[in-house]
Amino acid sequence: MAPRLDSSARKRAILDAALPLFARKGFAATTTREIAQAAGVSEALIFKHFPSKASLYEAIFLSCIDGDPEYERLVALPPGTGTLVQMIQGLVNYFVIEVPADPDERARHRLSIISLLEDGEFMRQVYEGIRSRFLPCFAASIAAAVACGDLAPGPIDAENGLWLAEHLCGMMATVCLSGGTVVPYPCGRPELARQTVWFILRGLGLRDDIIAARECGSKNDNPTPERPE
């Protein structure tokens, strides 16, 4: 007899079963009966943990952020130039390195694309989650970088800067969903990630010498100290 799963394990099993179904069939075409069969639970149990299919969508997104140690580390950093650089490095690493290499992450990314082709509800929740969780630290770090002279303020406000960076990286992950990139990038993926970080940070207004100095900084990097006059 298989061991009885506790509540958290059952929720995890449901999410693990729902992700590939949603990614393959989309929200409308996936039924809770199919999810229950794939997870080895009853439909009633699904609705005990998730009031609706839409709440399953939200939980799938949150499951890749909440409790993730790297996410927790980033948002706990004090605002500053170093934090801004690390946030962009983390964003680029996720989409350019992790998504193409991880089948589960590719499935989650397919789900985002299908959502945009349907009613967009899943991605609405994703973007609202990004806005509430990442934007405060991101915007504060932009302001701190401007205040210490590391970043030249321009016509792009902080929130749009975050969205433009996310959209670029998301599209770079999209072209790899077939298993290999369809774009003939003239370099390997690590170098592509490095150049993407430069592209985004330059677009945000960060000085080249600051980007170069921070490029190989440690994860414990703090905001740029005030430089002597």
Protein backbone atom coordinates (compact mmCIF):
# COMPACT_ATOMS: atom_id res chain seq x y z
CA MET A 1 0.00 0.00 0.00
CA ALA A 2 1.30 3.44 -0.97
CA PRO A 3 1.98 5.76 1.97
CA ARG A 4 -0.73 8.31 2.70
CA LEU A 5 0.30 11.81 1.66
CA ASP A 6 -0.03 14.72 4.04
CA SER A 7 -1.86 17.90 3.02
CA SER A 8 1.20 19.73 1.65
CA ALA A 9 2.31 16.67 -0.33
CA ARG A 10 -1.17 16.31 -1.86
CA LYS A 11 -1.15 19.97 -2.88
CA ARG A 12 2.28 19.49 -4.44
CA ALA A 13 1.06 16.40 -6.33
CA ILE A 14 -1.91 18.34 -7.70
CA LEU A 15 0.30 21.22 -8.84
CA ASP A 16 2.81 18.84 -10.43
CA ALA A 17 -0.03 17.11 -12.32
CA ALA A 18 -1.73 20.35 -13.39
CA LEU A 19 1.33 22.09 -14.82
CA PRO A 20 2.01 19.81 -17.81
CA LEU A 21 -1.72 19.49 -18.56
CA PHE A 22 -2.23 23.25 -18.61
CA ALA A 23 0.97 23.71 -20.60
CA ARG A 24 -0.12 21.15 -23.22
CA LYS A 25 -3.86 21.83 -23.46
CA GLY A 26 -4.40 25.31 -22.08
CA PHE A 27 -6.71 26.48 -19.32
CA ALA A 28 -10.08 26.03 -21.01
CA ALA A 29 -9.42 22.56 -22.41
CA THR A 30 -7.99 21.09 -19.18
CA THR A 31 -10.59 19.65 -16.82
CA THR A 32 -10.31 19.16 -13.09
CA ARG A 33 -11.17 15.50 -13.71
CA GLU A 34 -8.03 15.12 -15.83
CA ILE A 35 -5.95 16.85 -13.18
CA ALA A 36 -7.40 14.60 -10.47
CA GLN A 37 -6.63 11.47 -12.50
CA ALA A 38 -3.07 12.59 -13.19
CA ALA A 39 -2.52 13.46 -9.53
CA GLY A 40 -4.16 10.29 -8.23
CA VAL A 41 -6.71 12.18 -6.13
CA SER A 42 -10.43 12.94 -6.28
CA GLU A 43 -11.90 16.08 -7.84
CA ALA A 44 -13.35 16.92 -4.46
CA LEU A 45 -9.86 16.94 -2.96
CA ILE A 46 -8.67 19.35 -5.66
CA PHE A 47 -11.41 21.81 -4.74
CA LYS A 48 -10.61 21.38 -1.07
CA HIS A 49 -7.14 22.77 -1.72
CA PHE A 50 -7.93 25.06 -4.68
CA PRO A 51 -11.35 26.76 -4.93
CA SER A 52 -11.09 27.06 -8.73
CA LYS A 53 -8.93 26.29 -11.73
CA ALA A 54 -7.85 29.94 -11.68
CA SER A 55 -6.51 29.50 -8.15
CA LEU A 56 -4.50 26.54 -9.46
CA TYR A 57 -2.99 28.90 -12.04
CA GLU A 58 -1.96 31.29 -9.30
CA ALA A 59 -0.53 28.51 -7.14
CA ILE A 60 1.59 27.21 -10.04
CA PHE A 61 3.17 30.65 -10.37
CA LEU A 62 3.64 31.15 -6.64
CA SER A 63 5.20 27.70 -6.27
CA CYS A 64 8.24 28.82 -8.27
CA ILE A 65 8.76 31.96 -6.15
CA ASP A 66 7.48 31.64 -2.60
CA GLY A 67 9.96 29.68 -0.54
CA ASP A 68 12.67 29.88 -3.21
CA PRO A 69 15.91 30.79 -1.38
CA GLU A 70 17.32 32.86 -4.24
CA TYR A 71 14.14 34.93 -4.49
CA GLU A 72 14.08 35.42 -0.71
CA ARG A 73 17.74 36.48 -0.76
CA LEU A 74 17.24 39.02 -3.53
CA VAL A 75 14.22 40.80 -2.10
CA ALA A 76 15.89 40.93 1.34
CA LEU A 77 18.89 42.87 0.01
CA PRO A 78 19.07 46.59 0.86
CA PRO A 79 18.26 48.86 -2.11
CA GLY A 80 21.30 49.90 -4.09
CA THR A 81 23.34 49.50 -7.24
CA GLY A 82 24.58 46.04 -6.26
CA THR A 83 21.04 44.84 -5.61
CA LEU A 84 19.86 46.21 -8.97
CA VAL A 85 22.63 44.34 -10.77
CA GLN A 86 21.89 41.10 -8.92
CA MET A 87 18.16 41.35 -9.68
CA ILE A 88 18.85 41.72 -13.40
CA GLN A 89 21.42 38.92 -13.29
CA GLY A 90 18.84 36.69 -11.58
CA LEU A 91 16.15 37.55 -14.13
CA VAL A 92 18.46 36.86 -17.06
CA ASN A 93 19.81 33.65 -15.53
CA TYR A 94 16.29 32.31 -15.01
CA PHE A 95 15.05 32.91 -18.56
CA VAL A 96 18.25 32.49 -20.57
CA ILE A 97 19.92 29.66 -18.62
CA GLU A 98 17.40 27.84 -16.40
CA VAL A 99 14.26 27.73 -18.57
CA PRO A 100 15.95 26.21 -21.66
CA ALA A 101 17.66 23.56 -19.49
CA ASP A 102 14.78 22.50 -17.22
CA PRO A 103 11.74 20.59 -18.60
CA ASP A 104 9.51 21.79 -15.74
CA GLU A 105 10.49 25.40 -16.34
CA ARG A 106 9.87 24.99 -20.08
CA ALA A 107 6.41 23.60 -19.27
CA ARG A 108 5.72 26.60 -17.04
CA HIS A 109 6.86 28.93 -19.81
CA ARG A 110 4.63 27.17 -22.35
CA LEU A 111 1.77 27.74 -19.94
CA SER A 112 2.50 31.47 -19.98
CA ILE A 113 2.39 31.55 -23.78
CA ILE A 114 -0.84 29.56 -23.95
CA SER A 115 -2.35 31.92 -21.40
CA LEU A 116 -1.53 34.91 -23.61
CA LEU A 117 -3.17 33.14 -26.56
CA GLU A 118 -6.29 32.47 -24.47
CA ASP A 119 -7.68 35.00 -21.98
CA GLY A 120 -4.38 35.99 -20.40
CA GLU A 121 -5.62 35.27 -16.87
CA PHE A 122 -2.60 33.23 -15.77
CA MET A 123 -0.18 35.89 -16.99
CA ARG A 124 -2.23 38.64 -15.40
CA GLN A 125 -1.65 36.89 -12.09
CA VAL A 126 2.01 36.33 -12.88
CA TYR A 127 2.59 39.99 -13.69
CA GLU A 128 0.68 41.15 -10.63
CA GLY A 129 2.83 38.81 -8.55
CA ILE A 130 6.00 40.23 -10.09
CA ARG A 131 4.74 43.76 -9.53
CA SER A 132 3.94 43.23 -5.86
CA ARG A 133 7.00 41.12 -5.01
CA PHE A 134 9.83 42.56 -7.09
CA LEU A 135 8.93 46.11 -8.07
CA PRO A 136 9.36 47.78 -4.63
CA CYS A 137 12.95 46.53 -4.26
CA PHE A 138 13.72 47.14 -7.94
CA ALA A 139 12.40 50.72 -7.92
CA ALA A 140 14.16 51.51 -4.64
CA SER A 141 17.43 50.19 -6.07
CA ILE A 142 17.02 52.34 -9.19
CA ALA A 143 16.50 55.40 -6.98
CA ALA A 144 19.52 54.51 -4.84
CA ALA A 145 21.72 54.04 -7.93
CA VAL A 146 20.62 57.45 -9.23
CA ALA A 147 21.28 59.09 -5.87
CA CYS A 148 24.89 57.88 -5.71
CA GLY A 149 25.62 58.74 -9.34
CA ASP A 150 25.87 55.18 -10.67
CA LEU A 151 22.82 55.50 -12.91
CA ALA A 152 21.86 58.39 -15.16
CA PRO A 153 18.10 59.06 -14.93
CA GLY A 154 16.36 58.88 -18.30
CA PRO A 155 12.87 58.75 -19.84
CA ILE A 156 12.17 55.14 -18.73
CA ASP A 157 10.49 54.91 -15.33
CA ALA A 158 11.41 52.08 -12.97
CA GLU A 159 8.27 50.00 -13.47
CA ASN A 160 8.49 50.06 -17.26
CA GLY A 161 12.18 49.26 -16.96
CA LEU A 162 11.29 46.09 -15.06
CA TRP A 163 8.64 45.09 -17.61
CA LEU A 164 10.88 45.73 -20.60
CA ALA A 165 13.66 43.64 -19.04
CA GLU A 166 11.20 40.81 -18.28
CA HIS A 167 9.69 40.90 -21.77
CA LEU A 168 13.12 40.70 -23.42
CA CYS A 169 14.21 37.76 -21.29
CA GLY A 170 10.84 36.02 -21.66
CA MET A 171 11.09 36.17 -25.44
CA MET A 172 14.61 34.81 -25.31
CA ALA A 173 13.26 31.81 -23.40
CA THR A 174 10.40 31.42 -25.90
CA VAL A 175 12.72 30.90 -28.87
CA CYS A 176 14.28 27.93 -27.04
CA LEU A 177 11.07 26.00 -26.29
CA SER A 178 11.61 23.59 -29.17
CA GLY A 179 14.66 22.22 -27.36
CA GLY A 180 17.21 24.39 -29.13
CA THR A 181 17.29 28.05 -29.99
CA VAL A 182 15.86 29.04 -33.36
CA VAL A 183 17.93 32.25 -33.29
CA PRO A 184 21.53 31.90 -34.58
CA TYR A 185 23.17 33.62 -31.62
CA PRO A 186 26.92 33.89 -32.33
CA CYS A 187 27.91 32.74 -28.83
CA GLY A 188 27.13 30.17 -26.15
CA ARG A 189 24.39 30.61 -23.60
CA PRO A 190 26.60 31.88 -20.69
CA GLU A 191 28.05 34.61 -22.90
CA LEU A 192 24.59 35.39 -24.25
CA ALA A 193 23.37 35.83 -20.67
CA ARG A 194 26.29 38.13 -19.88
CA GLN A 195 25.59 40.32 -22.90
CA THR A 196 21.89 40.43 -22.06
CA VAL A 197 22.70 41.70 -18.56
CA TRP A 198 24.82 44.45 -20.10
CA PHE A 199 22.09 45.33 -22.59
CA ILE A 200 19.44 45.71 -19.88
CA LEU A 201 21.62 47.58 -17.39
CA ARG A 202 22.80 49.98 -20.07
CA GLY A 203 19.19 50.55 -21.11
CA LEU A 204 18.29 51.36 -17.52
CA GLY A 205 21.08 53.96 -17.51
CA LEU A 206 23.78 52.25 -15.44
CA ARG A 207 27.32 53.40 -16.21
CA ASP A 208 29.60 50.99 -18.09
CA ASP A 209 32.33 51.11 -15.47
CA ILE A 210 29.82 50.22 -12.75
CA ILE A 211 28.48 47.29 -14.77
CA ALA A 212 32.01 46.01 -15.38
CA ALA A 213 32.94 46.37 -11.72
CA ARG A 214 29.79 44.55 -10.58
CA GLU A 215 29.84 41.84 -13.24
CA CYS A 216 31.75 39.34 -11.12
CA GLY A 217 30.59 40.65 -7.75
CA SER A 218 29.71 38.25 -4.96
CA LYS A 219 26.16 37.40 -3.93
CA ASN A 220 26.75 39.34 -0.73
CA ASP A 221 27.44 42.51 -2.66
CA ASN A 222 26.01 45.57 -0.94
CA PRO A 223 24.86 48.84 -2.47
CA THR A 224 27.65 50.97 -3.90
CA PRO A 225 29.35 52.93 -1.12
CA GLU A 226 29.66 56.65 -1.50
CA ARG A 227 32.80 57.52 -3.42
CA PRO A 228 35.08 60.28 -2.21
CA GLU A 229 34.73 63.57 -4.02
